[in-house]
């Protein structure tokens, strides 16, 4: 017989009152039933708004009412079109649905924005925008949503949509949790996904679907690693040869209109898109278009010159490289500025041996290379700042090369250990992408070949460098600011999941990201600690909610992988639990 404490936890976990994702900071619910239909009256600041089939107009002039109307329309689509019957979340053959009583329904949804949006609301730096909201649902069917910004309203509407299920009798939708009272806001201002578009081209549709799923998880930054030594899919009109020669195929490119469309799609959903052009390493593909700028392109054996083929880096002592970067940035940055406050210049894994075969340098000494790298990065970042953008870099620019960076520069840390702690306590603003927790491509085996012989025998059974797979439970256990002093914890802006695409495309992207990305999303939003007990939130409480949210993502068109078999989801949280 299970101890009473475990039974109590299981009962709590199985309760629909805790079925929201990410769990709100403060929530109370009841056990009354209300239905909802398309006739519900919705107002925004007291004025009725369009609720069905509305899409905000294209362009970079964002309007609060249009943003909210688009969000209401998507909320209703989630409730009335892309919903699900929760049979998988209830005991087999149980009578889990309420009796049909459509007269007991949601009457009105009153949305009140208490503050005014500004330009920074739609392209915020970390901490610029208030994402908090309050949501109440009364027993008589009155819904009230209040937030200072339209971004908070987006989050509130997503939470509201998760209260409802579809009835097996047909076009009926209900909640069993009324009355509801929620006060909510995020722990971290940067909650992101990094998507690699260079190693494998990802379609615009796949990128937008990822943005959709991010918004449901209250993630707010999509970092596009858009170029690398493998390919250059980004069209730069002033440098047309880059994509003409560097894309895998003429059809596999992102036009200026594609890029603008991705930016706009994100902002409509509360997701800011950040563009990265990785440099001065990870840029060998430029050799195909401009052969006098790059050293060590496709040099072999590759492991002496780069982490993976093909190699290639900018020559660090060539004025033509500066001319190229100026022309590139003069074209690209003005097209980024209307939609984002950040631009990422990469900087990871620069191999000093590349410069050893640079005829202008013939040295791999850090004493020689560091001043040249400092000059290059300072120049690039000055161009970025001139466009009103803040730079981001990978951590090696600090931890390996000891560069001096501006106070506005954000450092993205991936190498693990105490890097986040050390960077934050040195005063840097830092994003945690620790490969030990947040590299979602890990554990899928090697993608390079090993010929028969010593290489085959050495690397058998061909695990990848960052195995094992990062299970959602491991991801959920990690908090970016853990171990950082309270005084410096504010320097940890949040976290970002890495989706390196050597073996990821549209066929498997969804189930690699989701619902593991959801686990990180909840930690970044409301934490992995139960505020009532001060202890880490139990998997017995988390798992049923994540199982349910996975069903919602499936219903909405995202192929999130299962985390348990149906036997487990239909029983209480202790049914598939290992007790020591």
Protein backbone atom coordinates (compact mmCIF):
# COMPACT_ATOMS: atom_id res chain seq x y z
CA UNK A 1 0.00 0.00 0.00
CA UNK A 2 1.34 3.43 -0.95
CA UNK A 3 2.02 5.98 1.79
CA UNK A 4 -0.65 8.65 2.31
CA UNK A 5 1.76 11.41 1.23
CA UNK A 6 2.33 9.73 -2.12
CA UNK A 7 -1.39 9.19 -2.63
CA UNK A 8 -2.00 12.87 -1.88
CA UNK A 9 0.61 13.93 -4.43
CA UNK A 10 -0.90 11.59 -7.01
CA UNK A 11 -4.38 12.94 -6.43
CA UNK A 12 -3.13 16.50 -6.83
CA UNK A 13 -1.26 15.63 -10.00
CA UNK A 14 -4.31 13.98 -11.52
CA UNK A 15 -6.53 16.94 -10.80
CA UNK A 16 -7.50 18.98 -13.89
CA UNK A 17 -7.00 22.11 -11.79
CA UNK A 18 -3.27 21.79 -12.42
CA UNK A 19 -3.45 21.01 -16.13
CA UNK A 20 -2.09 24.34 -17.43
CA UNK A 21 1.34 24.67 -19.07
CA UNK A 22 3.51 26.39 -18.07
CA UNK A 23 1.92 26.37 -14.64
CA UNK A 24 0.98 29.91 -13.57
CA UNK A 25 2.74 31.60 -10.69
CA UNK A 26 -0.49 31.88 -8.69
CA UNK A 27 -3.66 29.95 -9.45
CA UNK A 28 -6.86 28.94 -7.71
CA UNK A 29 -9.61 26.95 -9.38
CA UNK A 30 -12.94 25.37 -8.58
CA UNK A 31 -14.84 22.35 -9.86
CA UNK A 32 -17.82 23.89 -11.65
CA UNK A 33 -18.51 23.30 -15.34
CA UNK A 34 -18.99 25.95 -18.01
CA UNK A 35 -19.33 25.52 -21.76
CA UNK A 36 -18.17 28.00 -24.40
CA UNK A 37 -19.30 28.66 -27.97
CA UNK A 38 -18.52 31.07 -30.78
CA UNK A 39 -21.29 33.44 -29.70
CA UNK A 40 -19.30 34.66 -26.72
CA UNK A 41 -18.91 38.45 -26.72
CA UNK A 42 -15.32 39.72 -26.61
CA UNK A 43 -14.28 43.30 -25.90
CA UNK A 44 -10.89 44.98 -25.86
CA UNK A 45 -10.78 48.08 -23.68
CA UNK A 46 -14.57 48.13 -23.79
CA UNK A 47 -14.91 47.89 -27.59
CA UNK A 48 -16.15 44.70 -29.35
CA UNK A 49 -13.48 43.10 -31.53
CA UNK A 50 -13.31 40.55 -34.34
CA UNK A 51 -13.00 37.04 -32.94
CA UNK A 52 -12.99 34.62 -35.88
CA UNK A 53 -10.62 34.43 -38.85
CA UNK A 54 -8.67 37.62 -38.18
CA UNK A 55 -5.02 37.99 -39.20
CA UNK A 56 -3.09 41.20 -38.49
CA UNK A 57 -1.98 43.05 -41.63
CA UNK A 58 1.56 42.60 -42.93
CA UNK A 59 4.18 45.23 -42.28
CA UNK A 60 6.37 46.59 -39.53
CA UNK A 61 3.86 49.06 -38.03
CA UNK A 62 2.43 46.98 -35.23
CA UNK A 63 -0.83 47.94 -33.56
CA UNK A 64 -1.97 46.70 -30.15
CA UNK A 65 -5.59 46.13 -31.14
CA UNK A 66 -4.57 44.19 -34.24
CA UNK A 67 -2.16 42.05 -32.20
CA UNK A 68 -4.91 41.26 -29.67
CA UNK A 69 -7.55 40.55 -32.32
CA UNK A 70 -5.19 38.09 -33.99
CA UNK A 71 -4.57 36.41 -30.65
CA UNK A 72 -8.29 36.13 -29.88
CA UNK A 73 -8.88 34.57 -33.29
CA UNK A 74 -6.14 31.98 -32.71
CA UNK A 75 -7.49 31.30 -29.22
CA UNK A 76 -10.90 30.50 -30.64
CA UNK A 77 -9.32 28.31 -33.30
CA UNK A 78 -7.52 26.38 -30.55
CA UNK A 79 -10.75 25.95 -28.59
CA UNK A 80 -13.27 25.33 -31.37
CA UNK A 81 -11.22 23.75 -34.19
CA UNK A 82 -7.98 22.29 -32.85
CA UNK A 83 -9.14 20.84 -29.55
CA UNK A 84 -9.27 17.26 -28.27
CA UNK A 85 -11.36 14.81 -26.27
CA UNK A 86 -9.22 13.95 -23.22
CA UNK A 87 -9.97 10.21 -23.09
CA UNK A 88 -6.27 9.42 -22.94
CA UNK A 89 -5.96 11.40 -19.71
CA UNK A 90 -8.72 9.57 -17.83
CA UNK A 91 -9.19 5.99 -16.61
CA UNK A 92 -10.21 3.46 -19.22
CA UNK A 93 -13.97 3.36 -19.87
CA UNK A 94 -14.62 6.02 -17.24
CA UNK A 95 -17.40 8.58 -17.41
CA UNK A 96 -15.14 11.62 -17.30
CA UNK A 97 -17.22 14.12 -19.29
CA UNK A 98 -19.84 16.47 -17.85
CA UNK A 99 -23.45 16.33 -18.95
CA UNK A 100 -24.23 18.64 -21.83
CA UNK A 101 -25.51 21.92 -20.46
CA UNK A 102 -24.64 24.55 -23.08
CA UNK A 103 -26.79 27.17 -21.32
CA UNK A 104 -24.19 27.19 -18.56
CA UNK A 105 -21.63 28.96 -20.66
CA UNK A 106 -19.06 31.69 -20.91
CA UNK A 107 -20.96 34.90 -21.55
CA UNK A 108 -18.35 37.59 -22.05
CA UNK A 109 -14.59 37.98 -22.29
CA UNK A 110 -13.50 41.45 -21.26
CA UNK A 111 -9.89 42.24 -22.12
CA UNK A 112 -8.38 45.30 -20.52
CA UNK A 113 -4.93 46.61 -21.40
CA UNK A 114 -3.92 48.91 -18.57
CA UNK A 115 -0.80 50.35 -20.19
CA UNK A 116 0.21 51.56 -23.63
CA UNK A 117 2.44 49.56 -25.93
CA UNK A 118 5.53 51.22 -27.33
CA UNK A 119 7.89 50.27 -30.15
CA UNK A 120 9.97 48.29 -27.64
CA UNK A 121 6.93 46.15 -26.79
CA UNK A 122 7.20 44.47 -30.16
CA UNK A 123 11.00 44.20 -30.29
CA UNK A 124 12.06 44.24 -26.65
CA UNK A 125 15.46 43.82 -25.11
CA UNK A 126 15.36 41.44 -22.17
CA UNK A 127 13.27 43.02 -19.44
CA UNK A 128 11.86 45.83 -21.59
CA UNK A 129 8.31 44.48 -21.75
CA UNK A 130 5.94 43.60 -18.91
CA UNK A 131 4.61 40.11 -19.69
CA UNK A 132 2.42 39.74 -16.60
CA UNK A 133 -1.33 39.20 -16.72
CA UNK A 134 -4.34 38.34 -14.59
CA UNK A 135 -7.18 36.06 -15.63
CA UNK A 136 -10.46 35.34 -13.83
CA UNK A 137 -13.44 33.21 -14.84
CA UNK A 138 -16.54 33.53 -12.67
CA UNK A 139 -19.26 30.94 -12.12
CA UNK A 140 -21.72 33.06 -14.07
CA UNK A 141 -19.49 33.03 -17.15
CA UNK A 142 -17.73 36.39 -16.95
CA UNK A 143 -14.08 36.31 -18.05
CA UNK A 144 -11.76 39.17 -17.24
CA UNK A 145 -8.25 39.50 -18.63
CA UNK A 146 -6.00 42.34 -17.54
CA UNK A 147 -2.44 43.12 -18.58
CA UNK A 148 -0.22 46.16 -18.94
CA UNK A 149 0.86 45.18 -22.48
CA UNK A 150 -0.52 43.31 -25.45
CA UNK A 151 2.20 40.73 -24.82
CA UNK A 152 0.67 39.93 -21.44
CA UNK A 153 -2.72 39.60 -23.12
CA UNK A 154 -1.27 37.06 -25.57
CA UNK A 155 -0.08 34.95 -22.64
CA UNK A 156 -3.43 35.26 -20.86
CA UNK A 157 -5.35 34.13 -23.92
CA UNK A 158 -3.10 31.10 -24.31
CA UNK A 159 -3.74 30.15 -20.67
CA UNK A 160 -7.47 30.65 -21.19
CA UNK A 161 -7.49 28.33 -24.22
CA UNK A 162 -5.95 25.54 -22.14
CA UNK A 163 -8.93 25.49 -19.76
CA UNK A 164 -11.17 23.88 -22.39
CA UNK A 165 -11.67 20.40 -23.84
CA UNK A 166 -13.86 19.11 -26.64
CA UNK A 167 -16.82 16.92 -25.67
CA UNK A 168 -17.12 13.54 -27.39
CA UNK A 169 -20.74 14.41 -28.25
CA UNK A 170 -19.52 16.78 -30.95
CA UNK A 171 -19.10 20.54 -31.24
CA UNK A 172 -19.26 21.24 -27.53
CA UNK A 173 -16.40 22.68 -25.47
CA UNK A 174 -16.19 22.84 -21.71
CA UNK A 175 -14.06 23.56 -18.68
CA UNK A 176 -14.43 21.83 -15.31
CA UNK A 177 -12.32 24.32 -13.32
CA UNK A 178 -14.55 27.33 -12.67
CA UNK A 179 -14.11 29.66 -10.86
CA UNK A 180 -10.57 30.47 -11.97
CA UNK A 181 -8.22 33.13 -10.65
CA UNK A 182 -4.70 33.49 -12.03
CA UNK A 183 -1.89 35.99 -11.47
CA UNK A 184 1.07 35.23 -13.69
CA UNK A 185 4.43 36.51 -14.94
CA UNK A 186 7.74 34.97 -16.07
CA UNK A 187 10.86 34.31 -13.99
CA UNK A 188 13.22 35.01 -16.93
CA UNK A 189 12.86 37.58 -19.73
CA UNK A 190 14.70 35.46 -22.35
CA UNK A 191 13.09 32.09 -23.09
CA UNK A 192 14.31 30.85 -26.40
CA UNK A 193 14.90 28.29 -29.11
CA UNK A 194 17.92 28.37 -31.43
CA UNK A 195 17.16 26.83 -34.82
CA UNK A 196 19.99 25.94 -37.20
CA UNK A 197 18.97 26.78 -40.79
CA UNK A 198 22.39 26.27 -42.40
CA UNK A 199 23.35 22.63 -41.88
CA UNK A 200 19.86 21.64 -43.02
CA UNK A 201 17.49 24.04 -44.72
CA UNK A 202 14.26 24.41 -42.75
CA UNK A 203 11.18 25.56 -44.63
CA UNK A 204 9.41 28.79 -43.77
CA UNK A 205 6.36 26.73 -42.84
CA UNK A 206 8.41 24.67 -40.38
CA UNK A 207 9.89 27.81 -38.85
CA UNK A 208 6.44 29.37 -38.43
CA UNK A 209 5.05 26.19 -36.92
CA UNK A 210 7.90 26.30 -34.41
CA UNK A 211 6.96 29.89 -33.58
CA UNK A 212 3.36 28.76 -33.01
CA UNK A 213 4.46 26.05 -30.58
CA UNK A 214 6.79 28.48 -28.83
CA UNK A 215 3.93 30.89 -28.22
CA UNK A 216 1.82 28.13 -26.65
CA UNK A 217 4.75 27.44 -24.29
CA UNK A 218 5.20 31.17 -23.56
CA UNK A 219 8.67 31.15 -25.13
CA UNK A 220 9.60 34.53 -26.55
CA UNK A 221 12.89 34.38 -28.51
CA UNK A 222 13.60 32.47 -31.74
CA UNK A 223 17.31 32.59 -32.56
CA UNK A 224 17.95 31.76 -36.22
CA UNK A 225 21.47 30.42 -36.81
CA UNK A 226 20.95 31.25 -40.45
CA UNK A 227 24.40 30.75 -42.04
CA UNK A 228 27.37 28.46 -41.46
CA UNK A 229 30.20 26.84 -43.41
CA UNK A 230 27.81 24.26 -44.86
CA UNK A 231 25.44 26.66 -46.61
CA UNK A 232 24.38 30.29 -47.01
CA UNK A 233 20.61 30.25 -47.62
CA UNK A 234 20.01 33.95 -46.86
CA UNK A 235 19.50 36.19 -49.88
CA UNK A 236 21.54 39.41 -49.61
CA UNK A 237 20.49 41.56 -52.60
CA UNK A 238 23.72 43.61 -52.59
CA UNK A 239 25.78 40.37 -52.46
CA UNK A 240 23.69 38.03 -54.63
CA UNK A 241 26.48 35.49 -55.14
CA UNK A 242 26.33 34.50 -51.46
CA UNK A 243 23.06 32.61 -51.81
CA UNK A 244 23.46 31.86 -55.51
CA UNK A 245 26.67 29.96 -54.85
CA UNK A 246 26.22 29.11 -51.17
CA UNK A 247 22.69 27.72 -50.93
CA UNK A 248 22.28 23.97 -51.26
CA UNK A 249 19.86 24.55 -54.17
CA UNK A 250 18.41 27.69 -55.78
CA UNK A 251 15.03 26.92 -54.22
CA UNK A 252 16.43 26.58 -50.69
CA UNK A 253 16.81 30.24 -49.81
CA UNK A 254 15.21 32.86 -47.58
CA UNK A 255 14.32 35.97 -49.56
CA UNK A 256 14.01 39.40 -47.92
CA UNK A 257 10.24 38.89 -48.01
CA UNK A 258 10.60 35.48 -46.33
CA UNK A 259 12.73 36.95 -43.56
CA UNK A 260 10.36 39.87 -42.99
CA UNK A 261 7.43 37.46 -42.93
CA UNK A 262 9.10 35.32 -40.27
CA UNK A 263 9.82 38.40 -38.15
CA UNK A 264 6.22 39.60 -38.46
CA UNK A 265 4.77 36.18 -37.73
CA UNK A 266 6.80 36.01 -34.55
CA UNK A 267 5.87 39.48 -33.29
CA UNK A 268 2.16 38.75 -33.81
CA UNK A 269 2.65 35.80 -31.42
CA UNK A 270 4.92 37.45 -28.85
CA UNK A 271 8.11 35.88 -30.23
CA UNK A 272 11.07 38.10 -31.14
CA UNK A 273 13.28 36.66 -33.90
CA UNK A 274 17.05 37.09 -33.56
CA UNK A 275 19.29 36.64 -36.61
CA UNK A 276 22.79 35.20 -36.38
CA UNK A 277 25.59 35.43 -38.95
CA UNK A 278 28.31 33.34 -37.30
CA UNK A 279 31.78 34.87 -37.70
CA UNK A 280 34.74 34.90 -37.99
CA UNK A 281 34.63 31.08 -37.93
CA UNK A 282 31.80 28.90 -39.21
CA UNK A 283 31.70 30.95 -42.39
CA UNK A 284 33.70 28.92 -44.89
CA UNK A 285 30.86 28.78 -47.44
CA UNK A 286 31.65 32.39 -48.39
CA UNK A 287 34.63 30.89 -50.25
CA UNK A 288 32.25 29.68 -52.96
CA UNK A 289 31.24 33.27 -53.76
CA UNK A 290 34.25 35.33 -52.63
CA UNK A 291 37.34 33.17 -52.59
CA UNK A 292 39.77 35.83 -51.36
CA UNK A 293 38.16 36.30 -47.91
CA UNK A 294 38.36 32.82 -46.40
CA UNK A 295 41.19 30.64 -45.12
CA UNK A 296 41.19 26.87 -44.49
CA UNK A 297 38.00 26.18 -46.49
CA UNK A 298 37.49 22.40 -46.73
CA UNK A 299 40.95 21.87 -45.27
CA UNK A 300 41.63 18.23 -44.32
CA UNK A 301 41.92 16.42 -42.03
CA UNK A 302 39.17 18.73 -40.87
CA UNK A 303 39.54 18.08 -37.14
CA UNK A 304 42.77 20.15 -37.11
CA UNK A 305 40.96 23.22 -38.45
CA UNK A 306 37.34 23.05 -37.29
CA UNK A 307 34.84 21.05 -35.27
CA UNK A 308 33.09 19.61 -38.31
CA UNK A 309 33.45 19.86 -42.09
CA UNK A 310 33.71 21.99 -44.05
CA UNK A 311 36.16 24.29 -42.30
CA UNK A 312 36.74 27.91 -43.15
CA UNK A 313 37.11 31.25 -41.38
CA UNK A 314 37.62 34.89 -42.27
CA UNK A 315 41.18 36.04 -42.77
CA UNK A 316 41.70 38.21 -39.70
CA UNK A 317 44.22 40.57 -41.28
CA UNK A 318 42.60 41.50 -44.57
CA UNK A 319 40.90 44.84 -45.26
CA UNK A 320 38.71 43.17 -47.89
CA UNK A 321 37.00 41.21 -45.08
CA UNK A 322 35.99 44.50 -43.46
CA UNK A 323 34.66 45.77 -46.78
CA UNK A 324 32.61 42.59 -47.13
CA UNK A 325 31.18 42.81 -43.61
CA UNK A 326 30.30 46.48 -44.14
CA UNK A 327 28.42 45.71 -47.33
CA UNK A 328 26.68 42.71 -45.76
CA UNK A 329 25.57 44.64 -42.68
CA UNK A 330 24.56 47.75 -44.65
CA UNK A 331 22.14 45.52 -46.55
CA UNK A 332 20.91 43.20 -43.80
CA UNK A 333 20.80 45.22 -40.58
CA UNK A 334 18.32 47.89 -41.77
CA UNK A 335 15.97 45.01 -42.62
CA UNK A 336 16.37 43.53 -39.12
CA UNK A 337 16.02 46.75 -37.13
CA UNK A 338 12.22 47.23 -37.58
CA UNK A 339 11.56 43.84 -35.98
CA UNK A 340 14.29 43.04 -33.46
CA UNK A 341 16.59 44.68 -30.92
CA UNK A 342 19.35 42.08 -31.21
CA UNK A 343 21.81 40.74 -33.76
CA UNK A 344 24.06 37.72 -33.11
CA UNK A 345 27.62 37.65 -34.49
CA UNK A 346 28.43 34.11 -33.34
CA UNK A 347 32.08 33.62 -32.46
CA UNK A 348 32.10 29.99 -31.33
CA UNK A 349 34.78 27.41 -32.08
CA UNK A 350 37.22 29.70 -33.89
CA UNK A 351 40.22 27.46 -34.54
CA UNK A 352 43.58 29.25 -34.34
CA UNK A 353 45.08 26.75 -36.78
CA UNK A 354 43.10 28.37 -39.59
CA UNK A 355 45.32 31.43 -39.29
CA UNK A 356 48.41 29.22 -39.34
CA UNK A 357 47.78 28.66 -43.06
CA UNK A 358 46.69 32.24 -43.71
CA UNK A 359 49.53 33.68 -45.85
CA UNK A 360 49.01 37.07 -44.17
CA UNK A 361 49.54 35.65 -40.69
CA UNK A 362 51.08 32.14 -40.63
CA UNK A 363 50.51 31.99 -36.88
CA UNK A 364 48.19 30.31 -34.41
CA UNK A 365 49.49 32.29 -31.46
CA UNK A 366 46.82 33.94 -29.35
CA UNK A 367 49.19 36.87 -28.81
CA UNK A 368 49.02 37.52 -32.55
CA UNK A 369 45.37 36.66 -33.14
CA UNK A 370 43.66 38.17 -30.11
CA UNK A 371 44.27 41.84 -31.04
CA UNK A 372 43.12 41.16 -34.61
CA UNK A 373 39.99 39.41 -33.35
CA UNK A 374 39.30 42.28 -30.95
CA UNK A 375 39.57 44.77 -33.81
CA UNK A 376 37.27 42.69 -36.00
CA UNK A 377 34.55 42.16 -33.38
CA UNK A 378 34.69 45.79 -32.26
CA UNK A 379 34.18 46.88 -35.86
CA UNK A 380 31.28 44.47 -36.43
CA UNK A 381 29.59 45.49 -33.21
CA UNK A 382 29.96 49.17 -33.99
CA UNK A 383 27.97 48.55 -37.17
CA UNK A 384 25.31 46.72 -35.19
CA UNK A 385 25.00 49.50 -32.61
CA UNK A 386 24.76 52.10 -35.34
CA UNK A 387 21.51 50.42 -36.37
CA UNK A 388 20.16 50.55 -32.81
CA UNK A 389 20.75 46.85 -32.19
CA UNK A 390 22.49 45.08 -29.29
CA UNK A 391 25.09 42.41 -30.11
CA UNK A 392 25.09 38.80 -28.97
CA UNK A 393 28.12 36.49 -29.05
CA UNK A 394 28.94 32.92 -28.13
CA UNK A 395 30.93 32.57 -24.93
CA UNK A 396 34.35 31.83 -26.45
CA UNK A 397 34.70 35.50 -27.32
CA UNK A 398 35.10 36.00 -23.56
CA UNK A 399 36.19 32.69 -22.11
CA UNK A 400 38.74 31.74 -24.81
CA UNK A 401 39.76 35.01 -26.44
CA UNK A 402 39.28 37.44 -23.56
CA UNK A 403 37.75 40.13 -25.75
CA UNK A 404 36.52 43.43 -24.38
CA UNK A 405 32.80 43.70 -25.16
CA UNK A 406 30.36 46.54 -24.77
CA UNK A 407 28.08 46.58 -21.74
CA UNK A 408 25.10 46.01 -24.03
CA UNK A 409 26.52 42.75 -25.40
CA UNK A 410 24.81 39.52 -24.35
CA UNK A 411 26.96 36.39 -24.01
CA UNK A 412 25.47 33.02 -24.90
CA UNK A 413 27.08 30.21 -22.90
CA UNK A 414 27.06 26.59 -24.07
CA UNK A 415 30.15 24.83 -22.71
CA UNK A 416 28.70 24.04 -19.29
CA UNK A 417 30.50 23.77 -15.98
CA UNK A 418 30.59 27.07 -14.11
CA UNK A 419 30.56 29.21 -17.25
CA UNK A 420 27.15 30.83 -16.67
CA UNK A 421 27.98 31.51 -13.03
CA UNK A 422 31.40 32.96 -13.84
CA UNK A 423 30.09 35.14 -16.64
CA UNK A 424 27.16 36.46 -14.59
CA UNK A 425 29.34 37.21 -11.59
CA UNK A 426 31.80 39.01 -13.87
CA UNK A 427 29.00 41.38 -14.85
CA UNK A 428 28.04 39.95 -18.25
CA UNK A 429 24.44 39.53 -19.32
CA UNK A 430 24.26 35.85 -20.13
CA UNK A 431 21.94 33.32 -21.79
CA UNK A 432 22.27 29.70 -20.70
CA UNK A 433 22.51 27.11 -23.50
CA UNK A 434 24.48 24.53 -21.49
CA UNK A 435 24.94 21.52 -23.81
CA UNK A 436 24.55 19.17 -20.84
CA UNK A 437 20.88 20.15 -20.62
CA UNK A 438 19.78 22.21 -23.60
CA UNK A 439 21.30 20.62 -26.73
CA UNK A 440 18.28 18.77 -28.08
CA UNK A 441 20.16 17.19 -30.99
CA UNK A 442 22.31 15.11 -28.60
CA UNK A 443 22.03 11.35 -28.24
CA UNK A 444 21.13 10.58 -31.85
CA UNK A 445 24.45 8.99 -32.80
CA UNK A 446 27.17 10.13 -35.17
CA UNK A 447 26.48 11.64 -38.58
CA UNK A 448 30.07 11.32 -39.87
CA UNK A 449 31.37 8.04 -41.32
CA UNK A 450 34.03 5.74 -39.85
CA UNK A 451 35.85 3.51 -42.33
CA UNK A 452 36.74 -0.04 -41.36
CA UNK A 453 39.84 -0.23 -39.23
CA UNK A 454 41.15 1.83 -36.34
CA UNK A 455 38.61 4.62 -36.77
CA UNK A 456 35.71 2.15 -36.78
CA UNK A 457 37.00 0.33 -33.72
CA UNK A 458 37.79 3.52 -31.79
CA UNK A 459 34.40 5.14 -32.20
CA UNK A 460 32.16 2.07 -32.09
CA UNK A 461 29.19 2.14 -31.22
CA UNK A 462 29.25 5.64 -32.77
CA UNK A 463 27.73 7.77 -30.03
CA UNK A 464 27.76 11.48 -30.68
CA UNK A 465 29.96 13.85 -28.68
CA UNK A 466 27.19 15.11 -26.39
CA UNK A 467 25.28 11.89 -25.73
CA UNK A 468 23.07 10.91 -24.03
CA UNK A 469 19.75 12.33 -25.15
CA UNK A 470 18.57 15.14 -22.90
CA UNK A 471 15.37 13.68 -21.47
CA UNK A 472 12.67 16.18 -20.46
CA UNK A 473 13.19 15.20 -16.82
CA UNK A 474 16.85 16.23 -17.01
CA UNK A 475 15.93 19.49 -18.72
CA UNK A 476 13.31 20.19 -16.07
CA UNK A 477 15.87 19.71 -13.30
CA UNK A 478 18.06 22.57 -14.52
CA UNK A 479 17.64 26.24 -13.64
CA UNK A 480 19.93 28.72 -15.45
CA UNK A 481 20.69 30.83 -12.37
CA UNK A 482 21.31 27.93 -10.00
CA UNK A 483 24.50 28.59 -8.04
CA UNK A 484 24.65 32.25 -9.05
CA UNK A 485 24.69 34.72 -6.17
CA UNK A 486 21.46 36.60 -5.57
CA UNK A 487 23.15 39.89 -6.40
CA UNK A 488 24.23 38.63 -9.83
CA UNK A 489 21.29 36.38 -10.70
CA UNK A 490 19.70 39.30 -12.56
CA UNK A 491 22.54 38.99 -15.11
CA UNK A 492 21.21 35.58 -16.14
CA UNK A 493 18.59 36.58 -18.68
CA UNK A 494 17.27 33.06 -19.17
CA UNK A 495 17.89 30.09 -21.39
CA UNK A 496 17.83 28.89 -24.95
CA UNK A 497 17.46 25.41 -26.42
CA UNK A 498 19.84 24.51 -29.26
CA UNK A 499 18.53 22.65 -32.32
CA UNK A 500 21.63 21.90 -34.39
CA UNK A 501 20.40 20.37 -37.61
CA UNK A 502 22.94 17.82 -38.86
CA UNK A 503 20.14 15.23 -38.65
CA UNK A 504 17.04 17.39 -38.17
CA UNK A 505 14.59 18.59 -40.79
CA UNK A 506 10.84 18.99 -41.12
CA UNK A 507 10.28 15.25 -40.80
CA UNK A 508 11.49 15.06 -37.20
CA UNK A 509 11.87 18.65 -35.97
CA UNK A 510 8.62 18.72 -33.99
CA UNK A 511 9.26 15.60 -31.94
CA UNK A 512 12.88 16.55 -31.26
CA UNK A 513 11.88 19.93 -29.84
CA UNK A 514 8.54 19.10 -28.23
CA UNK A 515 7.61 18.46 -25.49
CA UNK A 516 11.20 18.61 -24.20
CA UNK A 517 11.17 22.31 -25.04
CA UNK A 518 8.02 22.60 -22.95
CA UNK A 519 9.95 21.36 -19.91
CA UNK A 520 12.48 24.17 -20.27
CA UNK A 521 9.68 26.62 -20.93
CA UNK A 522 8.02 25.95 -17.60
CA UNK A 523 11.29 26.26 -15.68
CA UNK A 524 11.99 29.60 -17.36
CA UNK A 525 8.43 30.84 -16.83
CA UNK A 526 7.42 29.75 -13.35
CA UNK A 527 10.33 27.64 -12.13
CA UNK A 528 10.79 24.03 -11.11
CA UNK A 529 10.27 24.73 -7.41
CA UNK A 530 6.90 24.42 -5.71
CA UNK A 531 6.52 27.78 -3.98
CA UNK A 532 4.23 26.25 -1.35
CA UNK A 533 6.85 23.74 -0.18
CA UNK A 534 10.11 25.30 -1.36
CA UNK A 535 11.06 21.91 -2.83
CA UNK A 536 11.66 20.93 -6.43
CA UNK A 537 8.33 20.21 -8.08
CA UNK A 538 7.69 16.47 -8.16
CA UNK A 539 7.54 14.58 -11.46
CA UNK A 540 4.32 13.08 -10.08
CA UNK A 541 2.79 16.54 -10.40
CA UNK A 542 4.51 17.58 -13.62
CA UNK A 543 4.05 14.49 -15.79
CA UNK A 544 0.23 14.48 -16.06
CA UNK A 545 0.23 18.14 -17.06
CA UNK A 546 2.94 17.60 -19.66
CA UNK A 547 1.07 14.57 -21.01
CA UNK A 548 -1.99 16.76 -21.39
CA UNK A 549 -0.12 19.64 -23.00
CA UNK A 550 1.43 17.23 -25.48
CA UNK A 551 -2.13 16.26 -26.50
CA UNK A 552 -2.95 19.93 -27.04
CA UNK A 553 0.10 20.39 -29.27
CA UNK A 554 -0.90 17.34 -31.32
CA UNK A 555 -4.42 18.69 -31.75
CA UNK A 556 -2.98 22.00 -32.93
CA UNK A 557 -0.79 20.38 -35.59
CA UNK A 558 2.60 19.93 -33.89
CA UNK A 559 3.90 16.34 -33.80
CA UNK A 560 5.23 16.35 -30.26
CA UNK A 561 6.60 13.00 -29.14
CA UNK A 562 4.91 11.02 -26.36
CA UNK A 563 6.57 10.93 -22.96
CA UNK A 564 4.60 7.94 -21.68
CA UNK A 565 2.44 5.14 -23.07
CA UNK A 566 -1.34 5.35 -22.86
CA UNK A 567 -1.43 2.90 -19.95
CA UNK A 568 0.37 5.55 -17.89
CA UNK A 569 -1.62 8.56 -19.05
CA UNK A 570 -4.93 6.85 -18.22
CA UNK A 571 -3.97 6.13 -14.63
CA UNK A 572 -2.82 8.29 -11.75
CA UNK A 573 0.68 9.63 -11.48
CA UNK A 574 1.96 6.74 -9.35
CA UNK A 575 1.00 4.03 -11.85
CA UNK A 576 4.23 4.35 -13.83
CA UNK A 577 6.56 5.46 -11.06
CA UNK A 578 9.69 3.79 -9.74
CA UNK A 579 9.82 4.03 -5.96
CA UNK A 580 13.22 3.34 -4.44
